[in-house]
PDB file of N, CA and C in Angstrom:
ATOM      1  N   UNK A   1       8.837 -51.040  16.196  1.00  0.00           N
ATOM      2  CA  UNK A   1       7.590 -50.413  15.809  1.00  0.00           C
ATOM      3  C   UNK A   1       7.622 -50.174  14.305  1.00  0.00           C
ATOM      4  N   UNK A   2       6.595 -50.620  13.641  1.00  0.00           N
ATOM      5  CA  UNK A   2       6.533 -50.518  12.181  1.00  0.00           C
ATOM      6  C   UNK A   2       5.814 -49.225  11.791  1.00  0.00           C
ATOM      7  N   UNK A   3       6.501 -48.350  11.064  1.00  0.00           N
ATOM      8  CA  UNK A   3       5.885 -47.095  10.614  1.00  0.00           C
ATOM      9  C   UNK A   3       5.188 -47.336   9.293  1.00  0.00           C
ATOM     10  N   UNK A   4       3.999 -46.770   9.183  1.00  0.00           N
ATOM     11  CA  UNK A   4       3.259 -46.867   7.925  1.00  0.00           C
ATOM     12  C   UNK A   4       3.691 -45.735   7.016  1.00  0.00           C
ATOM     13  N   UNK A   5       3.809 -46.043   5.793  1.00  0.00           N
ATOM     14  CA  UNK A   5       4.196 -45.039   4.811  1.00  0.00           C
ATOM     15  C   UNK A   5       2.936 -44.445   4.181  1.00  0.00           C
ATOM     16  N   UNK A   6       2.884 -43.142   4.107  1.00  0.00           N
ATOM     17  CA  UNK A   6       1.736 -42.467   3.499  1.00  0.00           C
ATOM     18  C   UNK A   6       2.042 -42.287   2.024  1.00  0.00           C
ATOM     19  N   UNK A   7       1.151 -42.768   1.198  1.00  0.00           N
ATOM     20  CA  UNK A   7       1.333 -42.669  -0.253  1.00  0.00           C
ATOM     21  C   UNK A   7       1.038 -41.242  -0.708  1.00  0.00           C
ATOM     22  N   UNK A   8       1.824 -40.728  -1.637  1.00  0.00           N
ATOM     23  CA  UNK A   8       1.550 -39.387  -2.157  1.00  0.00           C
ATOM     24  C   UNK A   8       0.217 -39.346  -2.885  1.00  0.00           C
ATOM     25  N   UNK A   9      -0.439 -38.209  -2.776  1.00  0.00           N
ATOM     26  CA  UNK A   9      -1.750 -38.036  -3.413  1.00  0.00           C
ATOM     27  C   UNK A   9      -1.629 -38.094  -4.933  1.00  0.00           C
ATOM     28  N   UNK A  10      -0.625 -37.442  -5.455  1.00  0.00           N
ATOM     29  CA  UNK A  10      -0.379 -37.443  -6.904  1.00  0.00           C
ATOM     30  C   UNK A  10       1.062 -37.900  -7.119  1.00  0.00           C
ATOM     31  N   UNK A  11       1.284 -39.191  -7.156  1.00  0.00           N
ATOM     32  CA  UNK A  11       2.654 -39.694  -7.211  1.00  0.00           C
ATOM     33  C   UNK A  11       3.447 -39.247  -8.437  1.00  0.00           C
ATOM     34  N   UNK A  12       2.793 -38.926  -9.530  1.00  0.00           N
ATOM     35  CA  UNK A  12       3.508 -38.528 -10.744  1.00  0.00           C
ATOM     36  C   UNK A  12       3.647 -37.008 -10.876  1.00  0.00           C
ATOM     37  N   UNK A  13       3.120 -36.268  -9.912  1.00  0.00           N
ATOM     38  CA  UNK A  13       3.169 -34.808  -9.992  1.00  0.00           C
ATOM     39  C   UNK A  13       4.581 -34.303  -9.721  1.00  0.00           C
ATOM     40  N   UNK A  14       4.966 -33.299 -10.452  1.00  0.00           N
ATOM     41  CA  UNK A  14       6.281 -32.688 -10.255  1.00  0.00           C
ATOM     42  C   UNK A  14       6.207 -31.709  -9.088  1.00  0.00           C
ATOM     43  N   UNK A  15       7.282 -31.622  -8.347  1.00  0.00           N
ATOM     44  CA  UNK A  15       7.345 -30.651  -7.263  1.00  0.00           C
ATOM     45  C   UNK A  15       7.485 -29.252  -7.844  1.00  0.00           C
ATOM     46  N   UNK A  16       6.941 -28.283  -7.128  1.00  0.00           N
ATOM     47  CA  UNK A  16       7.067 -26.895  -7.571  1.00  0.00           C
ATOM     48  C   UNK A  16       8.483 -26.407  -7.312  1.00  0.00           C
ATOM     49  N   UNK A  17       9.003 -25.659  -8.239  1.00  0.00           N
ATOM     50  CA  UNK A  17      10.321 -25.061  -8.046  1.00  0.00           C
ATOM     51  C   UNK A  17      10.174 -23.813  -7.182  1.00  0.00           C
ATOM     52  N   UNK A  18      11.287 -23.303  -6.693  1.00  0.00           N
ATOM     53  CA  UNK A  18      11.256 -22.074  -5.898  1.00  0.00           C
ATOM     54  C   UNK A  18      10.702 -20.918  -6.723  1.00  0.00           C
ATOM     55  N   UNK A  19      11.027 -20.898  -8.013  1.00  0.00           N
ATOM     56  CA  UNK A  19      10.518 -19.838  -8.885  1.00  0.00           C
ATOM     57  C   UNK A  19       9.001 -19.939  -9.043  1.00  0.00           C
ATOM     58  N   UNK A  20       8.487 -21.178  -9.149  1.00  0.00           N
ATOM     59  CA  UNK A  20       7.037 -21.367  -9.246  1.00  0.00           C
ATOM     60  C   UNK A  20       6.341 -20.859  -7.991  1.00  0.00           C
ATOM     61  N   UNK A  21       6.912 -21.177  -6.850  1.00  0.00           N
ATOM     62  CA  UNK A  21       6.332 -20.733  -5.579  1.00  0.00           C
ATOM     63  C   UNK A  21       6.381 -19.213  -5.488  1.00  0.00           C
ATOM     64  N   UNK A  22       7.507 -18.608  -5.873  1.00  0.00           N
ATOM     65  CA  UNK A  22       7.621 -17.151  -5.855  1.00  0.00           C
ATOM     66  C   UNK A  22       6.567 -16.501  -6.741  1.00  0.00           C
ATOM     67  N   UNK A  23       6.356 -17.058  -7.948  1.00  0.00           N
ATOM     68  CA  UNK A  23       5.336 -16.511  -8.852  1.00  0.00           C
ATOM     69  C   UNK A  23       3.945 -16.652  -8.253  1.00  0.00           C
ATOM     70  N   UNK A  24       3.666 -17.803  -7.638  1.00  0.00           N
ATOM     71  CA  UNK A  24       2.354 -18.010  -7.022  1.00  0.00           C
ATOM     72  C   UNK A  24       2.120 -17.028  -5.869  1.00  0.00           C
ATOM     73  N   UNK A  25       3.136 -16.851  -5.040  1.00  0.00           N
ATOM     74  CA  UNK A  25       3.012 -15.920  -3.917  1.00  0.00           C
ATOM     75  C   UNK A  25       2.820 -14.496  -4.429  1.00  0.00           C
ATOM     76  N   UNK A  26       3.572 -14.111  -5.453  1.00  0.00           N
ATOM     77  CA  UNK A  26       3.435 -12.771  -6.021  1.00  0.00           C
ATOM     78  C   UNK A  26       2.035 -12.563  -6.601  1.00  0.00           C
ATOM     79  N   UNK A  27       1.510 -13.583  -7.296  1.00  0.00           N
ATOM     80  CA  UNK A  27       0.162 -13.481  -7.874  1.00  0.00           C
ATOM     81  C   UNK A  27      -0.897 -13.361  -6.787  1.00  0.00           C
ATOM     82  N   UNK A  28      -0.763 -14.171  -5.746  1.00  0.00           N
ATOM     83  CA  UNK A  28      -1.730 -14.105  -4.642  1.00  0.00           C
ATOM     84  C   UNK A  28      -1.635 -12.767  -3.912  1.00  0.00           C
ATOM     85  N   UNK A  29      -0.432 -12.281  -3.712  1.00  0.00           N
ATOM     86  CA  UNK A  29      -0.253 -10.986  -3.048  1.00  0.00           C
ATOM     87  C   UNK A  29      -0.892  -9.873  -3.862  1.00  0.00           C
ATOM     88  N   UNK A  30      -0.683  -9.911  -5.167  1.00  0.00           N
ATOM     89  CA  UNK A  30      -1.271  -8.894  -6.040  1.00  0.00           C
ATOM     90  C   UNK A  30      -2.799  -8.958  -6.006  1.00  0.00           C
ATOM     91  N   UNK A  31      -3.342 -10.160  -6.011  1.00  0.00           N
ATOM     92  CA  UNK A  31      -4.796 -10.317  -5.954  1.00  0.00           C
ATOM     93  C   UNK A  31      -5.353  -9.776  -4.636  1.00  0.00           C
ATOM     94  N   UNK A  32      -4.650 -10.018  -3.532  1.00  0.00           N
ATOM     95  CA  UNK A  32      -5.094  -9.495  -2.241  1.00  0.00           C
ATOM     96  C   UNK A  32      -5.034  -7.975  -2.205  1.00  0.00           C
ATOM     97  N   UNK A  33      -3.996  -7.408  -2.789  1.00  0.00           N
ATOM     98  CA  UNK A  33      -3.874  -5.947  -2.846  1.00  0.00           C
ATOM     99  C   UNK A  33      -5.014  -5.356  -3.670  1.00  0.00           C
ATOM    100  N   UNK A  34      -5.330  -5.988  -4.800  1.00  0.00           N
ATOM    101  CA  UNK A  34      -6.417  -5.499  -5.653  1.00  0.00           C
ATOM    102  C   UNK A  34      -7.763  -5.581  -4.924  1.00  0.00           C
ATOM    103  N   UNK A  35      -7.995  -6.667  -4.211  1.00  0.00           N
ATOM    104  CA  UNK A  35      -9.259  -6.808  -3.474  1.00  0.00           C
ATOM    105  C   UNK A  35      -9.367  -5.767  -2.368  1.00  0.00           C
ATOM    106  N   UNK A  36      -8.258  -5.508  -1.696  1.00  0.00           N
ATOM    107  CA  UNK A  36      -8.254  -4.493  -0.637  1.00  0.00           C
ATOM    108  C   UNK A  36      -8.528  -3.118  -1.236  1.00  0.00           C
ATOM    109  N   UNK A  37      -7.902  -2.820  -2.366  1.00  0.00           N
ATOM    110  CA  UNK A  37      -8.123  -1.535  -3.029  1.00  0.00           C
ATOM    111  C   UNK A  37      -9.584  -1.366  -3.434  1.00  0.00           C
ATOM    112  N   UNK A  38     -10.176  -2.439  -3.957  1.00  0.00           N
ATOM    113  CA  UNK A  38     -11.595  -2.372  -4.339  1.00  0.00           C
ATOM    114  C   UNK A  38     -12.480  -2.115  -3.126  1.00  0.00           C
ATOM    115  N   UNK A  39     -12.168  -2.791  -2.020  1.00  0.00           N
ATOM    116  CA  UNK A  39     -12.978  -2.626  -0.801  1.00  0.00           C
ATOM    117  C   UNK A  39     -12.859  -1.201  -0.269  1.00  0.00           C
ATOM    118  N   UNK A  40     -11.631  -0.674  -0.242  1.00  0.00           N
ATOM    119  CA  UNK A  40     -11.422   0.688   0.247  1.00  0.00           C
ATOM    120  C   UNK A  40     -12.134   1.690  -0.662  1.00  0.00           C
ATOM    121  N   UNK A  41     -11.965   1.535  -1.963  1.00  0.00           N
ATOM    122  CA  UNK A  41     -12.618   2.450  -2.909  1.00  0.00           C
ATOM    123  C   UNK A  41     -14.132   2.407  -2.758  1.00  0.00           C
ATOM    124  N   UNK A  42     -14.675   1.212  -2.652  1.00  0.00           N
ATOM    125  CA  UNK A  42     -16.122   1.075  -2.492  1.00  0.00           C
ATOM    126  C   UNK A  42     -16.594   1.783  -1.219  1.00  0.00           C
ATOM    127  N   UNK A  43     -15.894   1.557  -0.105  1.00  0.00           N
ATOM    128  CA  UNK A  43     -16.296   2.169   1.161  1.00  0.00           C
ATOM    129  C   UNK A  43     -16.177   3.688   1.123  1.00  0.00           C
ATOM    130  N   UNK A  44     -15.128   4.196   0.492  1.00  0.00           N
ATOM    131  CA  UNK A  44     -14.947   5.648   0.404  1.00  0.00           C
ATOM    132  C   UNK A  44     -16.006   6.256  -0.512  1.00  0.00           C
ATOM    133  N   UNK A  45     -16.231   5.631  -1.660  1.00  0.00           N
ATOM    134  CA  UNK A  45     -17.166   6.202  -2.633  1.00  0.00           C
ATOM    135  C   UNK A  45     -18.629   6.065  -2.214  1.00  0.00           C
ATOM    136  N   UNK A  46     -18.913   5.244  -1.225  1.00  0.00           N
ATOM    137  CA  UNK A  46     -20.286   5.134  -0.718  1.00  0.00           C
ATOM    138  C   UNK A  46     -20.629   6.243   0.276  1.00  0.00           C
ATOM    139  N   UNK A  47     -19.632   7.001   0.691  1.00  0.00           N
ATOM    140  CA  UNK A  47     -19.877   8.091   1.642  1.00  0.00           C
ATOM    141  C   UNK A  47     -20.470   9.290   0.896  1.00  0.00           C
ATOM    142  N   UNK A  48     -21.641   9.761   1.316  1.00  0.00           N
ATOM    143  CA  UNK A  48     -22.288  10.887   0.626  1.00  0.00           C
ATOM    144  C   UNK A  48     -21.430  12.157   0.604  1.00  0.00           C
ATOM    145  N   UNK A  49     -20.717  12.444   1.688  1.00  0.00           N
ATOM    146  CA  UNK A  49     -19.898  13.655   1.720  1.00  0.00           C
ATOM    147  C   UNK A  49     -18.761  13.577   0.701  1.00  0.00           C
ATOM    148  N   UNK A  50     -18.183  12.413   0.547  1.00  0.00           N
ATOM    149  CA  UNK A  50     -17.111  12.234  -0.427  1.00  0.00           C
ATOM    150  C   UNK A  50     -17.663  12.369  -1.845  1.00  0.00           C
ATOM    151  N   UNK A  51     -18.825  11.800  -2.086  1.00  0.00           N
ATOM    152  CA  UNK A  51     -19.449  11.905  -3.414  1.00  0.00           C
ATOM    153  C   UNK A  51     -19.727  13.357  -3.785  1.00  0.00           C
ATOM    154  N   UNK A  52     -20.191  14.138  -2.829  1.00  0.00           N
ATOM    155  CA  UNK A  52     -20.463  15.555  -3.094  1.00  0.00           C
ATOM    156  C   UNK A  52     -19.173  16.308  -3.425  1.00  0.00           C
ATOM    157  N   UNK A  53     -18.117  16.027  -2.675  1.00  0.00           N
ATOM    158  CA  UNK A  53     -16.835  16.690  -2.931  1.00  0.00           C
ATOM    159  C   UNK A  53     -16.302  16.300  -4.300  1.00  0.00           C
ATOM    160  N   UNK A  54     -16.336  15.003  -4.612  1.00  0.00           N
ATOM    161  CA  UNK A  54     -15.865  14.551  -5.922  1.00  0.00           C
ATOM    162  C   UNK A  54     -16.662  15.190  -7.048  1.00  0.00           C
ATOM    163  N   UNK A  55     -17.962  15.243  -6.883  1.00  0.00           N
ATOM    164  CA  UNK A  55     -18.817  15.848  -7.911  1.00  0.00           C
ATOM    165  C   UNK A  55     -18.441  17.309  -8.134  1.00  0.00           C
ATOM    166  N   UNK A  56     -18.226  18.037  -7.051  1.00  0.00           N
ATOM    167  CA  UNK A  56     -17.864  19.454  -7.167  1.00  0.00           C
ATOM    168  C   UNK A  56     -16.505  19.612  -7.860  1.00  0.00           C
ATOM    169  N   UNK A  57     -15.540  18.763  -7.506  1.00  0.00           N
ATOM    170  CA  UNK A  57     -14.212  18.852  -8.130  1.00  0.00           C
ATOM    171  C   UNK A  57     -14.274  18.534  -9.623  1.00  0.00           C
ATOM    172  N   UNK A  58     -15.069  17.540  -9.975  1.00  0.00           N
ATOM    173  CA  UNK A  58     -15.179  17.158 -11.387  1.00  0.00           C
ATOM    174  C   UNK A  58     -15.928  18.217 -12.188  1.00  0.00           C
ATOM    175  N   UNK A  59     -17.016  18.736 -11.633  1.00  0.00           N
ATOM    176  CA  UNK A  59     -17.792  19.750 -12.335  1.00  0.00           C
ATOM    177  C   UNK A  59     -17.003  21.046 -12.515  1.00  0.00           C
ATOM    178  N   UNK A  60     -16.127  21.358 -11.563  1.00  0.00           N
ATOM    179  CA  UNK A  60     -15.349  22.593 -11.665  1.00  0.00           C
ATOM    180  C   UNK A  60     -14.178  22.456 -12.636  1.00  0.00           C
ATOM    181  N   UNK A  61     -13.858  21.217 -13.016  1.00  0.00           N
ATOM    182  CA  UNK A  61     -12.736  20.991 -13.911  1.00  0.00           C
ATOM    183  C   UNK A  61     -11.399  20.915 -13.189  1.00  0.00           C
ATOM    184  N   UNK A  62     -11.425  20.964 -11.857  1.00  0.00           N
ATOM    185  CA  UNK A  62     -10.187  20.888 -11.075  1.00  0.00           C
ATOM    186  C   UNK A  62      -9.485  19.558 -11.304  1.00  0.00           C
ATOM    187  N   UNK A  63     -10.274  18.500 -11.412  1.00  0.00           N
ATOM    188  CA  UNK A  63      -9.735  17.159 -11.650  1.00  0.00           C
ATOM    189  C   UNK A  63     -10.486  16.535 -12.808  1.00  0.00           C
ATOM    190  N   UNK A  64      -9.787  15.682 -13.550  1.00  0.00           N
ATOM    191  CA  UNK A  64     -10.409  15.035 -14.700  1.00  0.00           C
ATOM    192  C   UNK A  64     -11.295  13.855 -14.308  1.00  0.00           C
ATOM    193  N   UNK A  65     -10.928  13.156 -13.228  1.00  0.00           N
ATOM    194  CA  UNK A  65     -11.698  11.982 -12.821  1.00  0.00           C
ATOM    195  C   UNK A  65     -11.543  11.746 -11.321  1.00  0.00           C
ATOM    196  N   UNK A  66     -12.280  10.776 -10.815  1.00  0.00           N
ATOM    197  CA  UNK A  66     -12.272  10.481  -9.385  1.00  0.00           C
ATOM    198  C   UNK A  66     -10.895  10.047  -8.902  1.00  0.00           C
ATOM    199  N   UNK A  67     -10.200   9.248  -9.698  1.00  0.00           N
ATOM    200  CA  UNK A  67      -8.877   8.772  -9.299  1.00  0.00           C
ATOM    201  C   UNK A  67      -7.919   9.937  -9.083  1.00  0.00           C
ATOM    202  N   UNK A  68      -7.925  10.879 -10.021  1.00  0.00           N
ATOM    203  CA  UNK A  68      -7.046  12.039  -9.889  1.00  0.00           C
ATOM    204  C   UNK A  68      -7.409  12.858  -8.658  1.00  0.00           C
ATOM    205  N   UNK A  69      -8.691  13.048  -8.419  1.00  0.00           N
ATOM    206  CA  UNK A  69      -9.135  13.838  -7.272  1.00  0.00           C
ATOM    207  C   UNK A  69      -8.701  13.189  -5.957  1.00  0.00           C
ATOM    208  N   UNK A  70      -8.863  11.893  -5.846  1.00  0.00           N
ATOM    209  CA  UNK A  70      -8.489  11.197  -4.611  1.00  0.00           C
ATOM    210  C   UNK A  70      -6.972  11.222  -4.425  1.00  0.00           C
ATOM    211  N   UNK A  71      -6.224  10.959  -5.486  1.00  0.00           N
ATOM    212  CA  UNK A  71      -4.762  10.960  -5.383  1.00  0.00           C
ATOM    213  C   UNK A  71      -4.243  12.350  -5.008  1.00  0.00           C
ATOM    214  N   UNK A  72      -4.763  13.384  -5.654  1.00  0.00           N
ATOM    215  CA  UNK A  72      -4.331  14.743  -5.335  1.00  0.00           C
ATOM    216  C   UNK A  72      -4.720  15.118  -3.917  1.00  0.00           C
ATOM    217  N   UNK A  73      -5.873  14.675  -3.485  1.00  0.00           N
ATOM    218  CA  UNK A  73      -6.315  14.957  -2.111  1.00  0.00           C
ATOM    219  C   UNK A  73      -5.404  14.325  -1.069  1.00  0.00           C
ATOM    220  N   UNK A  74      -4.999  13.079  -1.313  1.00  0.00           N
ATOM    221  CA  UNK A  74      -4.101  12.410  -0.373  1.00  0.00           C
ATOM    222  C   UNK A  74      -2.726  13.072  -0.343  1.00  0.00           C
ATOM    223  N   UNK A  75      -2.217  13.450  -1.514  1.00  0.00           N
ATOM    224  CA  UNK A  75      -0.926  14.134  -1.556  1.00  0.00           C
ATOM    225  C   UNK A  75      -0.991  15.468  -0.814  1.00  0.00           C
ATOM    226  N   UNK A  76      -2.070  16.204  -1.013  1.00  0.00           N
ATOM    227  CA  UNK A  76      -2.244  17.484  -0.335  1.00  0.00           C
ATOM    228  C   UNK A  76      -2.322  17.291   1.171  1.00  0.00           C
ATOM    229  N   UNK A  77      -3.052  16.291   1.613  1.00  0.00           N
ATOM    230  CA  UNK A  77      -3.162  15.997   3.043  1.00  0.00           C
ATOM    231  C   UNK A  77      -1.805  15.630   3.626  1.00  0.00           C
ATOM    232  N   UNK A  78      -1.039  14.825   2.910  1.00  0.00           N
ATOM    233  CA  UNK A  78       0.276  14.435   3.392  1.00  0.00           C
ATOM    234  C   UNK A  78       1.193  15.647   3.531  1.00  0.00           C
ATOM    235  N   UNK A  79       1.216  16.508   2.519  1.00  0.00           N
ATOM    236  CA  UNK A  79       2.068  17.695   2.560  1.00  0.00           C
ATOM    237  C   UNK A  79       1.634  18.601   3.714  1.00  0.00           C
ATOM    238  N   UNK A  80       0.333  18.746   3.907  1.00  0.00           N
ATOM    239  CA  UNK A  80      -0.168  19.610   4.971  1.00  0.00           C
ATOM    240  C   UNK A  80       0.176  19.068   6.356  1.00  0.00           C
ATOM    241  N   UNK A  81       0.139  17.766   6.519  1.00  0.00           N
ATOM    242  CA  UNK A  81       0.361  17.172   7.834  1.00  0.00           C
ATOM    243  C   UNK A  81       1.795  16.747   8.101  1.00  0.00           C
ATOM    244  N   UNK A  82       2.654  16.708   7.096  1.00  0.00           N
ATOM    245  CA  UNK A  82       4.004  16.173   7.296  1.00  0.00           C
ATOM    246  C   UNK A  82       4.794  16.884   8.399  1.00  0.00           C
ATOM    247  N   UNK A  83       4.704  18.217   8.566  1.00  0.00           N
ATOM    248  CA  UNK A  83       5.428  18.824   9.695  1.00  0.00           C
ATOM    249  C   UNK A  83       4.922  18.309  11.044  1.00  0.00           C
ATOM    250  N   UNK A  84       3.632  18.138  11.180  1.00  0.00           N
ATOM    251  CA  UNK A  84       3.077  17.640  12.443  1.00  0.00           C
ATOM    252  C   UNK A  84       3.446  16.184  12.673  1.00  0.00           C
ATOM    253  N   UNK A  85       3.507  15.402  11.619  1.00  0.00           N
ATOM    254  CA  UNK A  85       3.876  13.999  11.756  1.00  0.00           C
ATOM    255  C   UNK A  85       5.320  13.869  12.217  1.00  0.00           C
ATOM    256  N   UNK A  86       6.199  14.737  11.731  1.00  0.00           N
ATOM    257  CA  UNK A  86       7.605  14.707  12.125  1.00  0.00           C
ATOM    258  C   UNK A  86       7.787  15.138  13.572  1.00  0.00           C
ATOM    259  N   UNK A  87       6.935  16.025  14.072  1.00  0.00           N
ATOM    260  CA  UNK A  87       7.056  16.535  15.432  1.00  0.00           C
ATOM    261  C   UNK A  87       6.504  15.572  16.473  1.00  0.00           C
ATOM    262  N   UNK A  88       5.596  14.697  16.088  1.00  0.00           N
ATOM    263  CA  UNK A  88       4.943  13.812  17.049  1.00  0.00           C
ATOM    264  C   UNK A  88       5.863  12.664  17.438  1.00  0.00           C
ATOM    265  N   UNK A  89       6.123  12.477  18.754  1.00  0.00           N
ATOM    266  CA  UNK A  89       6.972  11.362  19.173  1.00  0.00           C
ATOM    267  C   UNK A  89       6.267  10.013  19.047  1.00  0.00           C
ATOM    268  N   UNK A  90       4.948  10.024  18.954  1.00  0.00           N
ATOM    269  CA  UNK A  90       4.177   8.776  18.870  1.00  0.00           C
ATOM    270  C   UNK A  90       4.049   8.255  17.455  1.00  0.00           C
ATOM    271  N   UNK A  91       4.336   9.095  16.467  1.00  0.00           N
ATOM    272  CA  UNK A  91       4.162   8.699  15.070  1.00  0.00           C
ATOM    273  C   UNK A  91       5.530   8.595  14.426  1.00  0.00           C
ATOM    274  N   UNK A  92       5.830   7.427  13.899  1.00  0.00           N
ATOM    275  CA  UNK A  92       7.104   7.224  13.207  1.00  0.00           C
ATOM    276  C   UNK A  92       7.006   7.826  11.815  1.00  0.00           C
ATOM    277  N   UNK A  93       8.129   8.236  11.286  1.00  0.00           N
ATOM    278  CA  UNK A  93       8.146   8.713   9.907  1.00  0.00           C
ATOM    279  C   UNK A  93       7.651   7.598   8.999  1.00  0.00           C
ATOM    280  N   UNK A  94       7.002   7.918   7.881  1.00  0.00           N
ATOM    281  CA  UNK A  94       6.453   6.892   6.998  1.00  0.00           C
ATOM    282  C   UNK A  94       7.496   5.944   6.442  1.00  0.00           C
ATOM    283  N   UNK A  95       8.753   6.256   6.548  1.00  0.00           N
ATOM    284  CA  UNK A  95       9.786   5.364   6.039  1.00  0.00           C
ATOM    285  C   UNK A  95      11.006   6.157   5.638  1.00  0.00           C
ATOM    286  N   UNK A  96      12.141   5.610   5.870  1.00  0.00           N
ATOM    287  CA  UNK A  96      13.381   6.271   5.489  1.00  0.00           C
ATOM    288  C   UNK A  96      13.575   6.118   3.995  1.00  0.00           C
ATOM    289  N   UNK A  97      13.936   7.173   3.346  1.00  0.00           N
ATOM    290  CA  UNK A  97      14.191   7.128   1.911  1.00  0.00           C
ATOM    291  C   UNK A  97      15.481   7.884   1.643  1.00  0.00           C
ATOM    292  N   UNK A  98      16.481   7.143   1.184  1.00  0.00           N
ATOM    293  CA  UNK A  98      17.743   7.794   0.839  1.00  0.00           C
ATOM    294  C   UNK A  98      17.571   8.615  -0.433  1.00  0.00           C
ATOM    295  N   UNK A  99      16.768   8.098  -1.357  1.00  0.00           N
ATOM    296  CA  UNK A  99      16.505   8.804  -2.613  1.00  0.00           C
ATOM    297  C   UNK A  99      15.374   9.801  -2.384  1.00  0.00           C
ATOM    298  N   UNK A 100      15.260  10.809  -3.233  1.00  0.00           N
ATOM    299  CA  UNK A 100      14.171  11.781  -3.078  1.00  0.00           C
ATOM    300  C   UNK A 100      12.804  11.104  -3.139  1.00  0.00           C
ATOM    301  N   UNK A 101      11.891  11.616  -2.357  1.00  0.00           N
ATOM    302  CA  UNK A 101      10.515  11.131  -2.345  1.00  0.00           C
ATOM    303  C   UNK A 101       9.854  11.517  -3.662  1.00  0.00           C
ATOM    304  N   UNK A 102       8.910  10.704  -4.169  1.00  0.00           N
ATOM    305  CA  UNK A 102       8.258  11.013  -5.450  1.00  0.00           C
ATOM    306  C   UNK A 102       7.596  12.389  -5.491  1.00  0.00           C
ATOM    307  N   UNK A 103       7.188  12.893  -4.318  1.00  0.00           N
ATOM    308  CA  UNK A 103       6.540  14.198  -4.297  1.00  0.00           C
ATOM    309  C   UNK A 103       7.560  15.311  -4.022  1.00  0.00           C
ATOM    310  N   UNK A 104       8.859  14.976  -4.047  1.00  0.00           N
ATOM    311  CA  UNK A 104       9.880  15.981  -3.836  1.00  0.00           C
ATOM    312  C   UNK A 104      10.146  16.293  -2.376  1.00  0.00           C
ATOM    313  N   UNK A 105       9.696  15.431  -1.461  1.00  0.00           N
ATOM    314  CA  UNK A 105       9.876  15.662  -0.037  1.00  0.00           C
ATOM    315  C   UNK A 105      10.941  14.741   0.531  1.00  0.00           C
ATOM    316  N   UNK A 106      11.628  15.192   1.557  1.00  0.00           N
ATOM    317  CA  UNK A 106      12.469  14.287   2.338  1.00  0.00           C
ATOM    318  C   UNK A 106      11.630  13.882   3.522  1.00  0.00           C
ATOM    319  N   UNK A 107      11.366  12.608   3.655  1.00  0.00           N
ATOM    320  CA  UNK A 107      10.457  12.161   4.702  1.00  0.00           C
ATOM    321  C   UNK A 107      11.068  12.204   6.093  1.00  0.00           C
ATOM    322  N   UNK A 108      12.365  12.054   6.209  1.00  0.00           N
ATOM    323  CA  UNK A 108      12.983  11.977   7.516  1.00  0.00           C
ATOM    324  C   UNK A 108      13.990  13.105   7.690  1.00  0.00           C
ATOM    325  N   UNK A 109      13.497  14.279   7.898  1.00  0.00           N
ATOM    326  CA  UNK A 109      14.348  15.455   8.045  1.00  0.00           C
ATOM    327  C   UNK A 109      15.236  15.354   9.277  1.00  0.00           C
ATOM    328  N   UNK A 110      14.826  14.575  10.284  1.00  0.00           N
ATOM    329  CA  UNK A 110      15.578  14.496  11.537  1.00  0.00           C
ATOM    330  C   UNK A 110      16.649  13.425  11.510  1.00  0.00           C
ATOM    331  N   UNK A 111      16.884  12.815  10.359  1.00  0.00           N
ATOM    332  CA  UNK A 111      17.945  11.837  10.239  1.00  0.00           C
ATOM    333  C   UNK A 111      17.626  10.476  10.822  1.00  0.00           C
ATOM    334  N   UNK A 112      16.354  10.120  10.878  1.00  0.00           N
ATOM    335  CA  UNK A 112      15.983   8.798  11.373  1.00  0.00           C
ATOM    336  C   UNK A 112      16.607   7.730  10.499  1.00  0.00           C
ATOM    337  N   UNK A 113      17.059   6.664  11.121  1.00  0.00           N
ATOM    338  CA  UNK A 113      17.669   5.565  10.381  1.00  0.00           C
ATOM    339  C   UNK A 113      16.697   4.405  10.323  1.00  0.00           C
ATOM    340  N   UNK A 114      16.690   3.663   9.212  1.00  0.00           N
ATOM    341  CA  UNK A 114      15.769   2.523   9.109  1.00  0.00           C
ATOM    342  C   UNK A 114      16.218   1.389  10.008  1.00  0.00           C
ATOM    343  N   UNK A 115      15.228   0.641  10.547  1.00  0.00           N
ATOM    344  CA  UNK A 115      15.571  -0.583  11.271  1.00  0.00           C
ATOM    345  C   UNK A 115      15.643  -1.712  10.254  1.00  0.00           C
ATOM    346  N   UNK A 116      15.768  -2.932  10.703  1.00  0.00           N
ATOM    347  CA  UNK A 116      15.950  -4.047   9.777  1.00  0.00           C
ATOM    348  C   UNK A 116      14.739  -4.260   8.883  1.00  0.00           C
ATOM    349  N   UNK A 117      13.553  -3.781   9.282  1.00  0.00           N
ATOM    350  CA  UNK A 117      12.355  -3.966   8.465  1.00  0.00           C
ATOM    351  C   UNK A 117      12.215  -2.887   7.415  1.00  0.00           C
ATOM    352  N   UNK A 118      13.063  -1.842   7.494  1.00  0.00           N
ATOM    353  CA  UNK A 118      12.965  -0.746   6.540  1.00  0.00           C
ATOM    354  C   UNK A 118      12.181   0.436   7.087  1.00  0.00           C
ATOM    355  N   UNK A 119      11.548   0.258   8.267  1.00  0.00           N
ATOM    356  CA  UNK A 119      10.787   1.352   8.869  1.00  0.00           C
ATOM    357  C   UNK A 119      11.744   2.292   9.581  1.00  0.00           C
ATOM    358  N   UNK A 120      11.392   3.557   9.617  1.00  0.00           N
ATOM    359  CA  UNK A 120      12.233   4.525  10.295  1.00  0.00           C
ATOM    360  C   UNK A 120      12.093   4.350  11.794  1.00  0.00           C
ATOM    361  N   UNK A 121      13.182   4.586  12.498  1.00  0.00           N
ATOM    362  CA  UNK A 121      13.113   4.508  13.962  1.00  0.00           C
ATOM    363  C   UNK A 121      13.666   5.772  14.576  1.00  0.00           C
TER     364      UNK A 121
END
C-alpha cells in the first residue's frame, strides 16, 4: 500500500521552540484573565445596588476609588467569613499556604495538607 505524503503548508517555516510556545501560552492566558476581569467588573458595576454603595463610599472619603472599595470589601468579607469557611465540611480551605497569607491570616488552621494540585484537602 502506497502512503501519500502530505506536503507542509509552509515548508520553510521554522518550528516553534518550547520557549516560544511557553510565551504564547502565557500571553494567551493573560489575555483570557484580563477579559474575564473586564466581564466580571462590567457585570458588578452594572448592578444599581453596587453603584449606590460605591458612590457612598467614595463620597464619604472611605475609599479613594472603585478599585480600592471593591478590594477592601472582598478582604473584609473574607475575614468575616473565614471562621465559617473553616468549620464547613463541604467547603475546602482556599489553599494551603506555608508562608503567611498576604492579609496576615493562616488559611488552614486545622493543618490541612495540600494535594498534588496544591488545593487543601
